[in-house]
Amino acid sequence: MKLLTNAKIFPSLNSESILIDKGKIIFIGDKNKINLSLNDLDIIDCENKSILPGLIDGHCHPLEVVSNMGSIDLSEIKFRSADDLKKYLKNTNCKNKKILKFYGFEHRNIKGNLDLKFFDELNLNIPLIIKHRTGHLIFLNSLAIKNLKININDYKFPVDSQKIHQKISNQEQSNFKDNVEKYNKLLMKYGYTTIVDAGVNNDISKFNTYKNLIKENKLNLNICYMLGNKNVEQFKEIKSNEKLYIGPTKFIFPEEISMSEIEMILKNHISISKNDLAFHAISSDIIFKILHTLYEKLNKFLGSRLIRLEHATEFLPNTFKVYKDKNLHLIFNPNFIYDHGDFYIQNQEDFDIDSIFNLNDSYKYKFNIGVGTDSPFGSINPINIISSSINRTTKSKNIIGNKNKVDLFEIIKAITYGNAKALKKQNKIGTLKVGKNADIIVLNEEISKSSTIDNLQINHTIINGKTEYARNNNNLIY
């Protein structure tokens, strides 16, 4: 048994004790009412600091994060011309590298044609792979194409990463498990206890990779695994468990798709699967098409299915308030305001930039709200999600949508309970109550609804009752 003493369950400022047994919370209250010898308990003194339910990353791409660990980050570099890019790449040290890999690249401010010929004429004599900031495009040279054994004639350039991501992953096995362990430690440090792999190509092979990593204790978190919509049939015989369970089916539709095409695709899917549905939903146009098709055309077929809009970047709460009582969940990426906000300001022309990731009005209309990092395309640090929601400030200190700020309580609710509800797991995780899973994080300070979070850190991360991370304790770190 484990006992947390002097714990302030946010937003309460009253100290209580929490008793944990077999991975569950079995008591919350005055420790003097516990009829057990304290000598028999594993005791953590929270020192009157605040504690929270374990954080849930409602939308991320874990193995893509692992893949990028051997790559060079271009997200902070602003290339103004093709010559700038050429000079940078030619000056990159390729010594002892078999493949030259980059991520976080933004090409839309570069004048010139970044085609296969451009990258080949760099004469790097090494396979070159450059992943776009959004994760949806990849730039390659011919050596990389040969190395990946793909026919470039089958693709437009730059290449849609959905189609060749698996081929790239197959080339990255040498230090894969070491990097998974590094990633796992980072998640523990940040207080995550559940993550959602939201890949649209998720298949049984990747699911089994997670299964093996959990079995080998390389990953200690609970993982919700979305299903790629083209791979649902692979999972008919798969059984979920607490550590690795099946999530919604994920769809990505092209912007130009018609509502009749969406209706046909979803009607066919609903006829063969009872799974919940998740949609890549960035623009207001595609959001309208998805919601109109679901609730005006297919509503009678949906049953109890939960519907998730992933990203919901241009979701307009006032426009879509008619759907607020549906089983609809918005999974925002407010960290993008900090990570990519300056790019939005410079390049967003057809949408009111102040209205992106509109948590405030979504709460006002009582929509279900969750959040995700979309890492590695957004920062993995939950502090960026929290601060971006409260301050809505970009890296250059610009403010995007001042009226759409939310308070600390609202964003913590989103990253805990909101995300749990979007997984239909609110009865097990997302809040700290007797009978629920003991997924708990202990902070380094007491916080209230009006607190600043500049110095916020995690002292302990507890998953299913087990301490997986403890700061400043040599015996317990990771």
Protein backbone atom coordinates (compact mmCIF):
# COMPACT_ATOMS: atom_id res chain seq x y z
CA MET A 1 0.00 0.00 0.00
CA LYS A 2 1.05 3.58 -0.67
CA LEU A 3 0.02 6.65 1.32
CA LEU A 4 0.25 10.24 0.13
CA THR A 5 0.13 12.68 3.05
CA ASN A 6 -0.22 16.48 3.17
CA ALA A 7 -1.64 16.49 -0.37
CA LYS A 8 -3.74 19.34 -1.76
CA ILE A 9 -5.99 18.01 -4.51
CA PHE A 10 -6.21 20.90 -6.99
CA PRO A 11 -8.07 23.24 -6.83
CA SER A 12 -8.60 22.60 -3.12
CA LEU A 13 -6.18 24.25 -0.68
CA ASN A 14 -6.98 21.74 2.08
CA SER A 15 -4.43 19.06 2.87
CA GLU A 16 -5.61 15.45 2.82
CA SER A 17 -4.17 11.94 2.65
CA ILE A 18 -4.69 9.44 -0.15
CA LEU A 19 -4.39 5.70 0.41
CA ILE A 20 -3.62 3.48 -2.58
CA ASP A 21 -3.93 -0.29 -2.83
CA LYS A 22 -3.59 -2.54 -5.88
CA GLY A 23 -3.42 0.42 -8.20
CA LYS A 24 -6.64 2.03 -6.94
CA ILE A 25 -7.44 4.95 -4.65
CA ILE A 26 -9.21 3.41 -1.65
CA PHE A 27 -9.33 6.37 0.75
CA ILE A 28 -9.16 10.18 0.68
CA GLY A 29 -9.29 12.14 3.93
CA ASP A 30 -7.68 12.48 7.36
CA LYS A 31 -4.84 9.96 7.76
CA ASN A 32 -5.80 9.54 11.43
CA LYS A 33 -8.91 7.74 10.22
CA ILE A 34 -6.84 5.07 8.49
CA ASN A 35 -6.91 1.94 10.60
CA LEU A 36 -3.48 0.71 9.51
CA SER A 37 0.04 0.89 10.88
CA LEU A 38 1.95 3.62 9.06
CA ASN A 39 5.05 1.45 9.33
CA ASP A 40 3.49 -0.93 6.80
CA LEU A 41 2.94 1.78 4.19
CA ASP A 42 5.05 3.34 1.43
CA ILE A 43 4.60 6.99 2.42
CA ILE A 44 5.10 10.04 0.20
CA ASP A 45 4.91 13.36 2.03
CA CYS A 46 3.56 15.85 -0.50
CA GLU A 47 4.60 18.69 1.82
CA ASN A 48 1.33 20.59 1.28
CA LYS A 49 2.00 20.83 -2.44
CA SER A 50 -0.78 20.43 -5.01
CA ILE A 51 -1.50 17.12 -6.65
CA LEU A 52 -3.34 16.44 -9.90
CA PRO A 53 -4.73 13.46 -11.76
CA GLY A 54 -2.08 12.11 -14.13
CA LEU A 55 -1.86 14.19 -17.30
CA ILE A 56 -3.26 12.72 -20.52
CA ASP A 57 -1.82 13.63 -23.90
CA GLY A 58 -5.01 13.43 -25.93
CA HIS A 59 -3.31 13.43 -29.34
CA CYS A 60 0.30 12.56 -30.12
CA HIS A 61 2.53 10.42 -32.34
CA PRO A 62 4.88 8.65 -29.93
CA LEU A 63 6.95 6.59 -32.35
CA GLU A 64 7.39 9.64 -34.57
CA VAL A 65 8.90 11.41 -31.54
CA VAL A 66 11.24 8.43 -31.12
CA SER A 67 12.11 8.52 -34.82
CA ASN A 68 13.08 12.19 -34.60
CA MET A 69 15.54 11.60 -31.76
CA GLY A 70 18.21 10.82 -34.32
CA SER A 71 17.35 13.83 -36.47
CA ILE A 72 18.29 17.51 -36.61
CA ASP A 73 15.59 20.00 -35.56
CA LEU A 74 14.92 22.73 -38.14
CA SER A 75 11.89 24.25 -36.40
CA GLU A 76 13.78 27.31 -35.15
CA ILE A 77 15.51 28.02 -38.48
CA LYS A 78 13.84 30.42 -40.91
CA PHE A 79 15.02 29.81 -44.45
CA ARG A 80 14.33 32.83 -46.67
CA SER A 81 15.48 31.32 -49.96
CA ALA A 82 16.49 28.10 -51.66
CA ASP A 83 20.09 29.32 -51.46
CA ASP A 84 19.79 29.61 -47.66
CA LEU A 85 18.62 26.01 -47.48
CA LYS A 86 21.29 24.83 -49.90
CA LYS A 87 24.05 26.49 -47.91
CA TYR A 88 22.76 25.05 -44.63
CA LEU A 89 22.52 21.50 -45.93
CA LYS A 90 25.91 21.55 -47.62
CA ASN A 91 27.52 22.78 -44.39
CA THR A 92 25.90 20.08 -42.25
CA ASN A 93 28.36 17.61 -40.81
CA CYS A 94 27.59 14.19 -42.31
CA LYS A 95 30.53 12.41 -40.71
CA ASN A 96 29.66 8.98 -39.25
CA LYS A 97 26.06 9.27 -40.47
CA LYS A 98 24.38 6.66 -42.66
CA ILE A 99 21.34 8.87 -43.25
CA LEU A 100 21.03 12.64 -42.90
CA LYS A 101 17.66 13.31 -41.25
CA PHE A 102 15.87 16.52 -40.32
CA TYR A 103 12.45 17.43 -38.94
CA GLY A 104 10.47 20.62 -38.28
CA PHE A 105 11.17 22.07 -41.75
CA GLU A 106 8.94 24.84 -43.13
CA HIS A 107 9.18 25.43 -46.89
CA ARG A 108 6.33 27.83 -47.60
CA ASN A 109 8.40 30.99 -47.20
CA ILE A 110 11.06 29.75 -49.61
CA LYS A 111 10.92 30.97 -53.18
CA GLY A 112 12.05 28.41 -55.69
CA ASN A 113 11.29 24.84 -56.64
CA LEU A 114 12.35 22.36 -53.95
CA ASP A 115 12.08 19.33 -56.19
CA LEU A 116 14.07 16.11 -56.40
CA LYS A 117 16.57 17.75 -58.73
CA PHE A 118 17.29 20.49 -56.16
CA PHE A 119 18.21 18.00 -53.45
CA ASP A 120 20.19 15.74 -55.79
CA GLU A 121 22.30 18.66 -57.02
CA LEU A 122 23.51 19.24 -53.47
CA ASN A 123 25.76 16.18 -54.09
CA LEU A 124 25.64 15.17 -50.43
CA ASN A 125 26.52 11.53 -51.20
CA ILE A 126 24.26 10.40 -48.38
CA PRO A 127 20.50 9.64 -48.18
CA LEU A 128 18.63 12.81 -47.19
CA ILE A 129 15.26 12.84 -45.43
CA ILE A 130 13.62 16.14 -44.40
CA LYS A 131 10.30 15.94 -42.55
CA HIS A 132 7.97 18.91 -42.78
CA ARG A 133 6.83 20.89 -39.73
CA THR A 134 3.29 19.53 -40.07
CA GLY A 135 4.42 15.91 -40.42
CA HIS A 136 2.45 15.50 -43.65
CA LEU A 137 5.25 16.01 -46.20
CA ILE A 138 8.74 14.62 -46.66
CA PHE A 139 11.53 15.91 -48.91
CA LEU A 140 14.05 13.34 -50.17
CA ASN A 141 17.00 12.94 -52.48
CA SER A 142 17.43 10.03 -54.89
CA LEU A 143 19.76 8.18 -52.53
CA ALA A 144 17.04 8.17 -49.87
CA ILE A 145 14.48 6.98 -52.42
CA LYS A 146 16.79 4.13 -53.40
CA ASN A 147 17.48 3.32 -49.75
CA LEU A 148 13.75 3.19 -48.98
CA LYS A 149 13.08 1.08 -52.08
CA ILE A 150 10.25 3.25 -53.31
CA ASN A 151 9.30 4.28 -56.83
CA ILE A 152 9.21 8.07 -56.91
CA ASN A 153 6.94 7.89 -59.96
CA ASP A 154 4.21 6.67 -57.62
CA TYR A 155 4.28 9.92 -55.62
CA LYS A 156 4.05 13.65 -56.01
CA PHE A 157 6.99 15.64 -54.67
CA PRO A 158 7.34 16.50 -51.82
CA VAL A 159 6.07 13.09 -50.76
CA ASP A 160 2.93 12.60 -48.67
CA SER A 161 4.44 11.11 -45.51
CA GLN A 162 1.40 8.94 -44.83
CA LYS A 163 2.43 6.73 -47.73
CA ILE A 164 6.07 6.12 -46.86
CA HIS A 165 6.31 6.68 -43.12
CA GLN A 166 6.35 2.94 -42.44
CA LYS A 167 9.20 2.50 -44.90
CA ILE A 168 11.22 5.16 -43.07
CA SER A 169 10.44 3.58 -39.70
CA ASN A 170 11.76 0.25 -40.93
CA GLN A 171 15.15 1.90 -41.47
CA GLU A 172 15.38 3.17 -37.88
CA GLN A 173 15.74 0.08 -35.73
CA SER A 174 19.39 0.29 -34.60
CA ASN A 175 18.86 2.29 -31.38
CA PHE A 176 15.07 2.19 -31.39
CA LYS A 177 14.55 0.71 -27.92
CA ASP A 178 17.11 3.03 -26.32
CA ASN A 179 15.26 5.99 -27.77
CA VAL A 180 11.91 4.61 -26.59
CA GLU A 181 13.31 4.48 -23.04
CA LYS A 182 14.50 8.09 -23.33
CA TYR A 183 11.05 9.11 -24.52
CA ASN A 184 9.41 7.19 -21.69
CA LYS A 185 11.58 8.97 -19.12
CA LEU A 186 10.67 12.34 -20.61
CA LEU A 187 6.96 11.56 -20.37
CA MET A 188 7.37 10.53 -16.73
CA LYS A 189 9.22 13.77 -15.97
CA TYR A 190 6.38 15.78 -17.52
CA GLY A 191 3.68 13.95 -15.55
CA TYR A 192 1.96 12.04 -18.32
CA THR A 193 0.23 8.83 -17.28
CA THR A 194 -1.81 8.14 -20.45
CA ILE A 195 -1.06 8.99 -24.07
CA VAL A 196 -3.14 8.65 -27.23
CA ASP A 197 -1.43 7.50 -30.43
CA ALA A 198 -3.53 9.28 -33.06
CA GLY A 199 -1.88 7.94 -36.23
CA VAL A 200 -4.17 7.59 -39.22
CA ASN A 201 -2.09 4.64 -40.51
CA ASN A 202 -2.05 2.74 -37.22
CA ASP A 203 -2.07 -0.98 -37.95
CA ILE A 204 -1.66 -4.30 -36.15
CA SER A 205 2.12 -4.30 -36.63
CA LYS A 206 2.55 -1.03 -34.76
CA PHE A 207 0.10 -2.19 -32.09
CA ASN A 208 2.25 -5.27 -31.53
CA THR A 209 5.33 -3.05 -31.29
CA TYR A 210 3.68 -1.23 -28.37
CA LYS A 211 2.65 -4.54 -26.85
CA ASN A 212 6.25 -5.75 -26.85
CA LEU A 213 7.63 -2.44 -25.54
CA ILE A 214 5.21 -2.57 -22.60
CA LYS A 215 6.06 -6.21 -21.93
CA GLU A 216 9.77 -5.33 -21.87
CA ASN A 217 9.12 -2.36 -19.52
CA LYS A 218 10.34 0.14 -22.11
CA LEU A 219 7.05 2.04 -21.83
CA ASN A 220 5.34 2.48 -18.46
CA LEU A 221 2.36 4.60 -19.45
CA ASN A 222 -1.15 3.61 -20.40
CA ILE A 223 -1.64 3.87 -24.16
CA CYS A 224 -4.81 4.44 -26.14
CA TYR A 225 -4.26 3.28 -29.72
CA MET A 226 -6.40 4.77 -32.46
CA LEU A 227 -7.05 2.59 -35.49
CA GLY A 228 -6.24 3.67 -39.03
CA ASN A 229 -9.55 3.61 -40.88
CA LYS A 230 -8.13 1.31 -43.56
CA ASN A 231 -6.84 -1.19 -41.00
CA VAL A 232 -9.89 -1.80 -38.80
CA GLU A 233 -10.36 -5.38 -40.03
CA GLN A 234 -6.94 -6.30 -38.59
CA PHE A 235 -8.21 -5.77 -35.03
CA LYS A 236 -11.24 -8.05 -34.94
CA GLU A 237 -9.60 -10.51 -32.55
CA ILE A 238 -7.62 -8.00 -30.48
CA LYS A 239 -8.49 -7.59 -26.81
CA SER A 240 -7.71 -4.39 -24.94
CA ASN A 241 -6.28 -4.12 -21.43
CA GLU A 242 -5.53 -1.33 -18.96
CA LYS A 243 -2.07 -0.64 -20.39
CA LEU A 244 -2.87 -0.80 -24.11
CA TYR A 245 -6.40 -0.35 -25.40
CA ILE A 246 -8.19 0.36 -28.64
CA GLY A 247 -9.36 3.92 -29.25
CA PRO A 248 -11.48 5.49 -31.99
CA THR A 249 -11.01 4.92 -35.70
CA LYS A 250 -9.05 7.80 -37.27
CA PHE A 251 -9.94 9.47 -40.58
CA ILE A 252 -8.24 12.16 -42.66
CA PHE A 253 -10.24 13.62 -45.53
CA PRO A 254 -8.79 15.88 -48.25
CA GLU A 255 -10.10 19.45 -48.22
CA GLU A 256 -11.75 19.04 -51.62
CA ILE A 257 -13.82 15.99 -50.65
CA SER A 258 -17.58 16.32 -51.05
CA MET A 259 -20.08 15.63 -48.30
CA SER A 260 -21.58 12.83 -50.38
CA GLU A 261 -18.17 11.14 -50.50
CA ILE A 262 -17.75 11.53 -46.72
CA GLU A 263 -21.23 10.08 -46.23
CA MET A 264 -20.44 7.05 -48.38
CA ILE A 265 -17.12 6.36 -46.60
CA LEU A 266 -18.58 6.70 -43.11
CA LYS A 267 -21.73 4.75 -43.89
CA ASN A 268 -19.62 1.86 -45.09
CA HIS A 269 -17.39 2.04 -42.01
CA ILE A 270 -20.31 2.22 -39.58
CA SER A 271 -21.78 -0.89 -41.17
CA ILE A 272 -18.70 -2.98 -40.30
CA SER A 273 -17.46 -1.39 -37.06
CA LYS A 274 -19.00 -0.13 -33.83
CA ASN A 275 -15.88 1.85 -33.02
CA ASP A 276 -15.91 5.51 -32.03
CA LEU A 277 -14.80 7.98 -34.71
CA ALA A 278 -11.99 10.57 -34.79
CA PHE A 279 -11.38 13.08 -37.57
CA HIS A 280 -8.39 15.16 -38.57
CA ALA A 281 -10.21 18.51 -38.55
CA ILE A 282 -8.27 21.71 -39.06
CA SER A 283 -10.13 24.04 -41.44
CA SER A 284 -13.63 25.34 -40.74
CA ASP A 285 -14.71 23.99 -44.15
CA ILE A 286 -13.76 20.37 -43.43
CA ILE A 287 -15.19 20.67 -39.90
CA PHE A 288 -18.52 21.77 -41.40
CA LYS A 289 -18.51 18.90 -43.90
CA ILE A 290 -17.80 16.32 -41.20
CA LEU A 291 -20.33 17.59 -38.67
CA HIS A 292 -23.09 18.17 -41.22
CA THR A 293 -22.62 14.68 -42.66
CA LEU A 294 -22.55 13.02 -39.24
CA TYR A 295 -25.45 14.79 -37.60
CA GLU A 296 -27.68 15.70 -40.54
CA LYS A 297 -27.19 12.63 -42.74
CA LEU A 298 -25.97 9.77 -40.54
CA ASN A 299 -27.21 10.65 -37.06
CA LYS A 300 -29.60 7.68 -36.85
CA PHE A 301 -26.71 5.30 -37.54
CA LEU A 302 -24.29 6.72 -34.96
CA GLY A 303 -25.85 5.15 -31.86
CA SER A 304 -23.69 5.77 -28.80
CA ARG A 305 -20.53 6.43 -30.80
CA LEU A 306 -18.27 9.15 -29.51
CA ILE A 307 -17.10 11.66 -32.13
CA ARG A 308 -13.74 13.44 -31.83
CA LEU A 309 -12.48 16.40 -33.84
CA GLU A 310 -8.68 16.21 -33.68
CA HIS A 311 -6.96 19.65 -33.66
CA ALA A 312 -10.25 21.55 -34.19
CA THR A 313 -8.06 24.50 -35.18
CA GLU A 314 -10.77 26.57 -36.88
CA PHE A 315 -13.73 25.25 -34.90
CA LEU A 316 -16.35 28.01 -34.52
CA PRO A 317 -18.31 27.38 -31.30
CA ASN A 318 -21.08 29.82 -32.12
CA THR A 319 -21.58 28.38 -35.61
CA PHE A 320 -21.63 24.77 -34.41
CA LYS A 321 -23.43 25.29 -31.08
CA VAL A 322 -26.37 23.27 -32.42
CA TYR A 323 -24.18 20.19 -31.88
CA LYS A 324 -23.09 20.97 -28.32
CA ASP A 325 -25.39 18.32 -26.83
CA LYS A 326 -24.09 15.60 -29.12
CA ASN A 327 -21.41 13.14 -28.01
CA LEU A 328 -18.85 15.44 -29.66
CA HIS A 329 -15.36 16.04 -28.25
CA LEU A 330 -12.96 18.77 -29.37
CA ILE A 331 -9.27 17.89 -29.01
CA PHE A 332 -7.40 21.19 -29.32
CA ASN A 333 -3.64 21.80 -29.68
CA PRO A 334 -3.27 25.18 -27.90
CA ASN A 335 0.52 24.67 -27.65
CA PHE A 336 0.56 25.44 -31.39
CA ILE A 337 -0.13 29.09 -30.48
CA TYR A 338 3.35 29.20 -28.96
CA ASP A 339 5.01 26.69 -31.29
CA HIS A 340 3.61 27.93 -34.62
CA GLY A 341 1.69 31.12 -33.83
CA ASP A 342 4.12 33.47 -35.54
CA PHE A 343 3.83 31.42 -38.72
CA TYR A 344 0.03 31.61 -38.50
CA ILE A 345 0.18 35.40 -38.17
CA GLN A 346 2.31 35.70 -41.29
CA ASN A 347 0.46 33.18 -43.44
CA GLN A 348 -3.17 32.82 -42.31
CA GLU A 349 -5.34 34.82 -44.69
CA ASP A 350 -8.74 33.12 -44.95
CA PHE A 351 -9.59 32.71 -41.25
CA ASP A 352 -9.69 35.02 -38.24
CA ILE A 353 -6.38 34.18 -36.55
CA ASP A 354 -7.70 35.23 -33.13
CA SER A 355 -10.31 32.46 -33.28
CA ILE A 356 -7.99 29.46 -33.63
CA PHE A 357 -8.10 26.89 -30.80
CA ASN A 358 -11.07 28.68 -29.26
CA LEU A 359 -11.28 26.97 -25.87
CA ASN A 360 -12.97 29.89 -24.13
CA ASP A 361 -16.09 30.04 -26.31
CA SER A 362 -16.16 26.24 -26.54
CA TYR A 363 -16.39 26.10 -22.74
CA LYS A 364 -19.00 28.86 -22.85
CA TYR A 365 -21.23 26.71 -25.09
CA LYS A 366 -20.51 23.64 -22.94
CA PHE A 367 -18.72 21.57 -25.54
CA ASN A 368 -16.60 18.64 -24.37
CA ILE A 369 -12.97 19.78 -24.48
CA GLY A 370 -9.70 17.90 -24.43
CA VAL A 371 -6.19 18.79 -25.54
CA GLY A 372 -3.19 17.10 -27.10
CA THR A 373 0.37 18.04 -27.93
CA ASP A 374 0.39 16.55 -31.45
CA SER A 375 4.06 15.89 -30.65
CA PRO A 376 6.50 15.85 -32.32
CA PHE A 377 4.76 18.52 -34.45
CA GLY A 378 4.07 20.49 -31.28
CA SER A 379 6.00 20.71 -28.03
CA ILE A 380 5.70 17.66 -25.79
CA ASN A 381 5.99 19.80 -22.63
CA PRO A 382 2.52 20.15 -21.00
CA ILE A 383 3.55 23.54 -19.60
CA ASN A 384 3.35 24.86 -23.18
CA ILE A 385 -0.24 23.61 -23.50
CA ILE A 386 -1.17 25.19 -20.18
CA SER A 387 0.62 28.52 -20.69
CA SER A 388 -0.56 28.87 -24.31
CA SER A 389 -4.16 28.39 -23.19
CA ILE A 390 -3.81 30.94 -20.40
CA ASN A 391 -1.68 33.55 -22.19
CA ARG A 392 -2.11 32.76 -25.94
CA THR A 393 1.37 34.13 -26.56
CA THR A 394 3.67 33.22 -29.47
CA LYS A 395 7.43 32.81 -29.33
CA SER A 396 7.76 36.43 -30.48
CA LYS A 397 5.45 37.60 -27.67
CA ASN A 398 2.52 38.28 -30.01
CA ILE A 399 -0.91 37.55 -28.51
CA ILE A 400 -3.38 35.58 -30.61
CA GLY A 401 -7.00 35.92 -29.50
CA ASN A 402 -6.76 37.72 -26.18
CA LYS A 403 -10.49 37.18 -25.51
CA ASN A 404 -10.09 33.43 -25.92
CA LYS A 405 -7.82 32.92 -22.90
CA VAL A 406 -8.92 30.38 -20.28
CA ASP A 407 -7.88 30.03 -16.64
CA LEU A 408 -5.66 27.42 -15.03
CA PHE A 409 -8.58 25.36 -13.73
CA GLU A 410 -10.17 25.11 -17.20
CA ILE A 411 -7.03 23.95 -19.00
CA ILE A 412 -6.09 21.45 -16.28
CA LYS A 413 -9.63 20.08 -16.52
CA ALA A 414 -9.12 19.66 -20.28
CA ILE A 415 -5.76 17.85 -19.98
CA THR A 416 -7.13 15.48 -17.32
CA TYR A 417 -10.88 14.93 -17.13
CA GLY A 418 -11.66 16.25 -20.62
CA ASN A 419 -9.19 13.87 -22.23
CA ALA A 420 -10.39 10.97 -20.08
CA LYS A 421 -13.99 11.58 -21.14
CA ALA A 422 -12.92 11.69 -24.80
CA LEU A 423 -11.61 8.14 -24.29
CA LYS A 424 -14.70 6.96 -22.36
CA LYS A 425 -12.37 6.43 -19.40
CA GLN A 426 -13.71 9.15 -17.08
CA ASN A 427 -14.86 6.52 -14.58
CA LYS A 428 -11.28 5.29 -14.18
CA ILE A 429 -8.95 8.26 -14.80
CA GLY A 430 -9.07 12.03 -15.11
CA THR A 431 -10.07 12.89 -11.53
CA LEU A 432 -8.92 11.77 -8.08
CA LYS A 433 -11.72 9.91 -6.33
CA VAL A 434 -12.07 6.73 -4.31
CA GLY A 435 -12.32 3.73 -6.62
CA LYS A 436 -10.43 5.32 -9.50
CA ASN A 437 -7.04 4.35 -10.84
CA ALA A 438 -4.15 5.79 -8.84
CA ASP A 439 -2.70 7.88 -11.69
CA ILE A 440 -1.40 10.88 -9.75
CA ILE A 441 1.21 13.61 -10.09
CA VAL A 442 2.64 15.60 -7.20
CA LEU A 443 3.73 19.15 -8.04
CA ASN A 444 6.63 21.13 -6.60
CA GLU A 445 4.37 23.92 -5.33
CA GLU A 446 0.85 24.74 -4.22
CA ILE A 447 -1.27 26.15 -7.02
CA SER A 448 -4.67 27.79 -7.21
CA LYS A 449 -6.88 28.85 -10.12
CA SER A 450 -5.01 32.15 -10.37
CA SER A 451 -1.47 30.77 -10.03
CA THR A 452 1.31 31.37 -12.50
CA ILE A 453 3.07 28.24 -13.70
CA ASP A 454 6.50 29.57 -14.68
CA ASN A 455 8.34 27.38 -12.17
CA LEU A 456 5.99 24.42 -12.12
CA GLN A 457 7.63 20.97 -12.08
CA ILE A 458 6.64 17.41 -11.28
CA ASN A 459 7.94 15.91 -8.03
CA HIS A 460 6.33 12.48 -8.43
CA THR A 461 4.56 10.61 -11.22
CA ILE A 462 2.49 7.67 -10.04
CA ILE A 463 0.89 5.30 -12.57
CA ASN A 464 -1.52 2.58 -11.47
CA GLY A 465 -0.27 3.10 -7.91
CA LYS A 466 3.42 2.68 -8.75
CA THR A 467 5.91 5.53 -8.48
CA GLU A 468 7.48 5.75 -11.93
CA TYR A 469 9.32 9.05 -11.44
CA ALA A 470 10.54 11.02 -8.44
CA ARG A 471 12.51 14.25 -8.77
CA ASN A 472 15.63 14.72 -6.63
CA ASN A 473 15.60 11.18 -5.30
CA ASN A 474 18.46 9.11 -6.60
CA ASN A 475 16.75 5.87 -5.71
CA LEU A 476 13.54 6.59 -7.56
CA ILE A 477 14.32 8.67 -10.65
CA TYR A 478 12.64 6.72 -13.45
